[in-house]
Amino acid sequence: MTMAIQLNDVRFAYPEAPHHPVLNIKSWSVATREHVFIHGPSGGGKSTLLNLLSGMLTANAGQVSVLGERLDTMGGQQRDRFRAKHIGYIFQQFNLIPYIDAIDNIRLAHQFASNVRQYVLSDEVKSLLSAFHIPQADWYKPVAKLSFGQQQRIAIARALINKPQVLIADEPTSSLDQNNRDNFMSALMTLVSEHDITLLFVSHDISLANHFGRIDALSDINAAGKDN
């Protein structure tokens, strides 16, 4: 069994509180194509863990390996390129730019992955939008003018445009009502299964756990604060 993610002796503290680590993880791994639900209270370090795994933050100590590559030994530009080519990220508030259209929002996710020509990229963007049932008439509208459900689907399409091997979802359902939440989860789980994507889904909403084959409590992974 190959590992998509492997953490060993990882510690992280924010610069303003260097003696109070947010994360202290002895060992934790995720197998390739595994779908993992990580839960814990707000402020417990969930987003910090995801930012380490995506290379947005770097560990103060320890090894952070994703797809066999050591993120902790990469420079900032290397991590940016690695993230763009291999990791998709669905943010809590989707982080779409409201005044540009769906196509350009998705194109922006591709800015560091320069190995695909623009005309090919445009075809792939349009194919994704069609797959997510976004009407062609809405492709060129500012996303702020689209429905919340359409914005959800555009956010997933943006996360998938670079054909990620790992997909990270950070509390993406926290602002959704039950119907939108159920539709979101159904679409997400179908896509990651179809494309053999390793999924890390973080939420404090334990009711979502029934979509996953593996459920991890952050408190079982993270020893920060337990030895204080």
Protein backbone atom coordinates (compact mmCIF):
# COMPACT_ATOMS: atom_id res chain seq x y z
CA MET A 1 0.00 0.00 0.00
CA THR A 2 1.44 3.36 -1.03
CA MET A 3 1.03 6.44 1.13
CA ALA A 4 -0.26 9.72 -0.27
CA ILE A 5 0.58 11.50 3.01
CA GLN A 6 3.10 10.74 5.72
CA LEU A 7 3.87 12.93 8.75
CA ASN A 8 6.65 12.14 11.23
CA ASP A 9 7.52 14.14 14.36
CA VAL A 10 5.81 17.26 13.03
CA ARG A 11 5.57 20.35 15.19
CA PHE A 12 4.15 23.73 14.29
CA ALA A 13 3.70 26.94 16.28
CA TYR A 14 2.78 30.36 14.98
CA PRO A 15 5.52 33.02 15.24
CA GLU A 16 3.53 35.09 17.73
CA ALA A 17 3.36 32.14 20.15
CA PRO A 18 6.49 30.06 19.44
CA HIS A 19 6.36 28.14 22.74
CA HIS A 20 2.74 27.04 22.31
CA PRO A 21 2.59 24.54 19.44
CA VAL A 22 -0.68 24.18 17.58
CA LEU A 23 0.35 20.81 16.15
CA ASN A 24 2.50 18.06 17.61
CA ILE A 25 2.06 14.92 15.50
CA LYS A 26 4.28 11.90 16.12
CA SER A 27 3.16 9.86 13.12
CA TRP A 28 0.17 9.98 10.79
CA SER A 29 -0.40 8.69 7.27
CA VAL A 30 -3.07 8.46 4.60
CA ALA A 31 -3.05 5.80 1.89
CA THR A 32 -3.35 6.64 -1.79
CA ARG A 33 -7.03 7.02 -2.84
CA GLU A 34 -8.21 6.91 0.78
CA HIS A 35 -11.06 9.22 1.84
CA VAL A 36 -10.51 10.54 5.37
CA PHE A 37 -12.84 12.61 7.53
CA ILE A 38 -11.03 14.63 10.21
CA HIS A 39 -13.13 16.19 12.96
CA GLY A 40 -12.51 18.37 15.95
CA PRO A 41 -13.65 21.61 17.57
CA SER A 42 -13.12 25.01 15.99
CA GLY A 43 -9.69 26.40 16.80
CA GLY A 44 -8.21 22.95 17.36
CA GLY A 45 -5.66 23.09 14.53
CA LYS A 46 -7.60 21.49 11.67
CA SER A 47 -6.98 24.28 9.18
CA THR A 48 -3.34 24.53 10.29
CA LEU A 49 -2.87 20.83 9.49
CA LEU A 50 -4.38 21.29 6.04
CA ASN A 51 -2.17 24.31 5.38
CA LEU A 52 0.91 22.22 6.24
CA LEU A 53 -0.22 19.44 3.92
CA SER A 54 -0.82 21.88 1.06
CA GLY A 55 2.47 23.70 1.60
CA MET A 56 0.87 27.01 2.57
CA LEU A 57 2.67 26.68 5.91
CA THR A 58 5.93 24.91 6.73
CA ALA A 59 6.55 22.79 9.80
CA ASN A 60 8.95 24.03 12.48
CA ALA A 61 10.23 20.46 12.83
CA GLY A 62 9.62 17.02 11.39
CA GLN A 63 8.86 15.52 8.00
CA VAL A 64 5.82 16.35 5.86
CA SER A 65 5.66 14.05 2.82
CA VAL A 66 2.91 14.31 0.20
CA LEU A 67 2.92 11.98 -2.80
CA GLY A 68 6.44 10.96 -1.87
CA GLU A 69 7.79 14.52 -1.88
CA ARG A 70 9.15 16.28 1.22
CA LEU A 71 7.29 19.60 1.48
CA ASP A 72 9.34 20.57 4.53
CA THR A 73 12.53 20.70 2.44
CA MET A 74 11.06 22.71 -0.47
CA GLY A 75 11.32 26.44 -0.99
CA GLY A 76 8.22 28.59 -1.26
CA GLN A 77 8.04 28.61 -5.07
CA GLN A 78 8.57 24.86 -5.19
CA ARG A 79 5.68 24.33 -2.78
CA ASP A 80 3.46 26.66 -4.81
CA ARG A 81 4.15 24.72 -7.99
CA PHE A 82 3.72 21.36 -6.27
CA ARG A 83 0.37 22.47 -4.83
CA ALA A 84 -0.86 23.78 -8.18
CA LYS A 85 0.04 20.57 -10.00
CA HIS A 86 -0.90 17.95 -7.41
CA ILE A 87 -3.27 19.33 -4.73
CA GLY A 88 -6.80 20.68 -5.06
CA TYR A 89 -8.23 22.84 -2.28
CA ILE A 90 -11.89 23.60 -1.54
CA PHE A 91 -12.09 26.50 0.87
CA GLN A 92 -14.77 27.09 3.49
CA GLN A 93 -16.06 30.22 1.75
CA PHE A 94 -15.10 28.89 -1.73
CA ASN A 95 -12.80 31.94 -2.28
CA LEU A 96 -14.15 32.68 -5.74
CA ILE A 97 -13.43 36.17 -7.08
CA PRO A 98 -16.95 37.61 -7.28
CA TYR A 99 -16.51 40.06 -10.17
CA ILE A 100 -14.98 37.63 -12.69
CA ASP A 101 -16.69 34.79 -14.45
CA ALA A 102 -16.61 31.06 -13.81
CA ILE A 103 -14.09 30.31 -16.56
CA ASP A 104 -11.57 32.87 -15.31
CA ASN A 105 -12.01 31.78 -11.69
CA ILE A 106 -11.07 28.26 -12.70
CA ARG A 107 -8.21 29.43 -14.94
CA LEU A 108 -6.65 31.27 -12.01
CA ALA A 109 -6.16 27.97 -10.20
CA HIS A 110 -3.93 26.93 -13.09
CA GLN A 111 -1.56 29.89 -12.99
CA PHE A 112 1.41 27.96 -11.54
CA ALA A 113 0.90 24.81 -13.61
CA SER A 114 2.40 25.91 -16.91
CA ASN A 115 2.56 22.56 -18.68
CA VAL A 116 -0.88 22.85 -20.35
CA ARG A 117 -1.53 25.16 -23.27
CA GLN A 118 -4.26 27.76 -22.84
CA TYR A 119 -6.50 26.40 -25.58
CA VAL A 120 -6.36 22.94 -24.00
CA LEU A 121 -7.07 24.47 -20.61
CA SER A 122 -10.13 26.31 -21.97
CA ASP A 123 -11.54 23.07 -23.33
CA GLU A 124 -11.01 21.36 -19.96
CA VAL A 125 -12.64 24.23 -18.06
CA LYS A 126 -15.69 24.11 -20.29
CA SER A 127 -15.87 20.34 -19.96
CA LEU A 128 -15.84 20.61 -16.17
CA LEU A 129 -18.51 23.30 -16.16
CA SER A 130 -20.68 21.13 -18.38
CA ALA A 131 -20.12 18.13 -16.12
CA PHE A 132 -21.30 20.19 -13.15
CA HIS A 133 -24.45 21.28 -15.04
CA ILE A 134 -23.51 24.96 -15.19
CA PRO A 135 -25.50 26.34 -18.17
CA GLN A 136 -23.32 27.77 -20.91
CA ALA A 137 -25.19 31.07 -20.59
CA ASP A 138 -23.74 31.43 -17.07
CA TRP A 139 -20.10 30.69 -17.90
CA TYR A 140 -19.27 34.33 -18.61
CA LYS A 141 -21.28 36.00 -15.85
CA PRO A 142 -19.60 37.33 -12.69
CA VAL A 143 -19.91 34.48 -10.22
CA ALA A 144 -21.55 36.81 -7.69
CA LYS A 145 -24.59 36.77 -9.98
CA LEU A 146 -24.88 32.99 -9.88
CA SER A 147 -26.74 30.90 -7.34
CA PHE A 148 -25.03 29.59 -4.25
CA GLY A 149 -25.31 26.05 -5.56
CA GLN A 150 -23.64 27.03 -8.83
CA GLN A 151 -20.82 28.70 -6.89
CA GLN A 152 -20.32 25.46 -4.94
CA ARG A 153 -19.93 23.47 -8.13
CA ILE A 154 -17.56 26.04 -9.65
CA ALA A 155 -15.41 25.82 -6.52
CA ILE A 156 -15.15 22.04 -6.91
CA ALA A 157 -14.38 22.41 -10.63
CA ARG A 158 -11.62 24.89 -9.80
CA ALA A 159 -10.14 22.43 -7.30
CA LEU A 160 -10.15 19.69 -9.96
CA ILE A 161 -8.82 21.61 -12.99
CA ASN A 162 -5.20 20.58 -12.44
CA LYS A 163 -6.19 16.91 -12.03
CA PRO A 164 -5.06 16.76 -8.40
CA GLN A 165 -4.00 13.53 -6.80
CA VAL A 166 -4.93 14.91 -3.38
CA LEU A 167 -8.04 16.99 -2.66
CA ILE A 168 -8.33 18.99 0.56
CA ALA A 169 -11.70 20.30 1.77
CA ASP A 170 -11.68 22.73 4.71
CA GLU A 171 -15.14 23.00 6.32
CA PRO A 172 -16.76 23.51 2.88
CA THR A 173 -20.30 22.78 4.13
CA SER A 174 -20.31 25.01 7.21
CA SER A 175 -22.47 27.71 5.62
CA LEU A 176 -24.83 25.40 3.71
CA ASP A 177 -28.36 24.37 4.53
CA GLN A 178 -29.10 20.66 4.69
CA ASN A 179 -30.28 20.30 1.08
CA ASN A 180 -27.27 22.15 -0.38
CA ARG A 181 -24.97 20.26 1.98
CA ASP A 182 -26.31 16.87 0.88
CA ASN A 183 -26.03 17.80 -2.81
CA PHE A 184 -22.49 19.08 -2.29
CA MET A 185 -21.37 15.90 -0.54
CA SER A 186 -22.94 13.66 -3.15
CA ALA A 187 -21.20 15.47 -6.02
CA LEU A 188 -17.89 15.58 -4.19
CA MET A 189 -17.77 11.91 -3.22
CA THR A 190 -18.78 10.80 -6.72
CA LEU A 191 -16.00 12.81 -8.33
CA VAL A 192 -13.19 11.76 -6.00
CA SER A 193 -14.14 8.12 -6.47
CA GLU A 194 -14.34 8.42 -10.26
CA HIS A 195 -10.92 10.10 -10.48
CA ASP A 196 -9.09 8.02 -7.82
CA ILE A 197 -8.38 11.09 -5.71
CA THR A 198 -7.12 10.96 -2.13
CA LEU A 199 -9.52 13.11 -0.08
CA LEU A 200 -8.97 14.89 3.23
CA PHE A 201 -12.19 16.42 4.48
CA VAL A 202 -12.11 18.48 7.67
CA SER A 203 -15.22 19.49 9.60
CA HIS A 204 -16.58 19.87 13.10
CA ASP A 205 -19.91 18.43 11.79
CA ILE A 206 -19.69 14.75 12.74
CA SER A 207 -22.95 14.01 10.88
CA LEU A 208 -20.95 14.07 7.63
CA ALA A 209 -18.78 11.16 8.75
CA ASN A 210 -21.10 8.54 7.22
CA HIS A 211 -19.78 9.50 3.76
CA PHE A 212 -16.29 8.28 4.67
CA GLY A 213 -14.52 4.98 5.14
CA ARG A 214 -12.10 6.42 7.68
CA ILE A 215 -12.79 8.86 10.50
CA ASP A 216 -9.99 10.49 12.52
CA ALA A 217 -10.38 12.77 15.52
CA LEU A 218 -7.73 15.48 15.46
CA SER A 219 -7.28 15.00 19.20
CA ASP A 220 -6.10 11.42 18.51
CA ILE A 221 -3.55 12.66 15.94
CA ASN A 222 -2.35 15.83 17.62
CA ALA A 223 -0.60 15.81 21.00
CA ALA A 224 -0.25 19.60 21.22
CA GLY A 225 -1.36 20.81 24.64
CA LYS A 226 -1.67 17.34 26.13
CA ASP A 227 1.71 17.47 27.79
CA ASN A 228 1.40 21.02 29.09
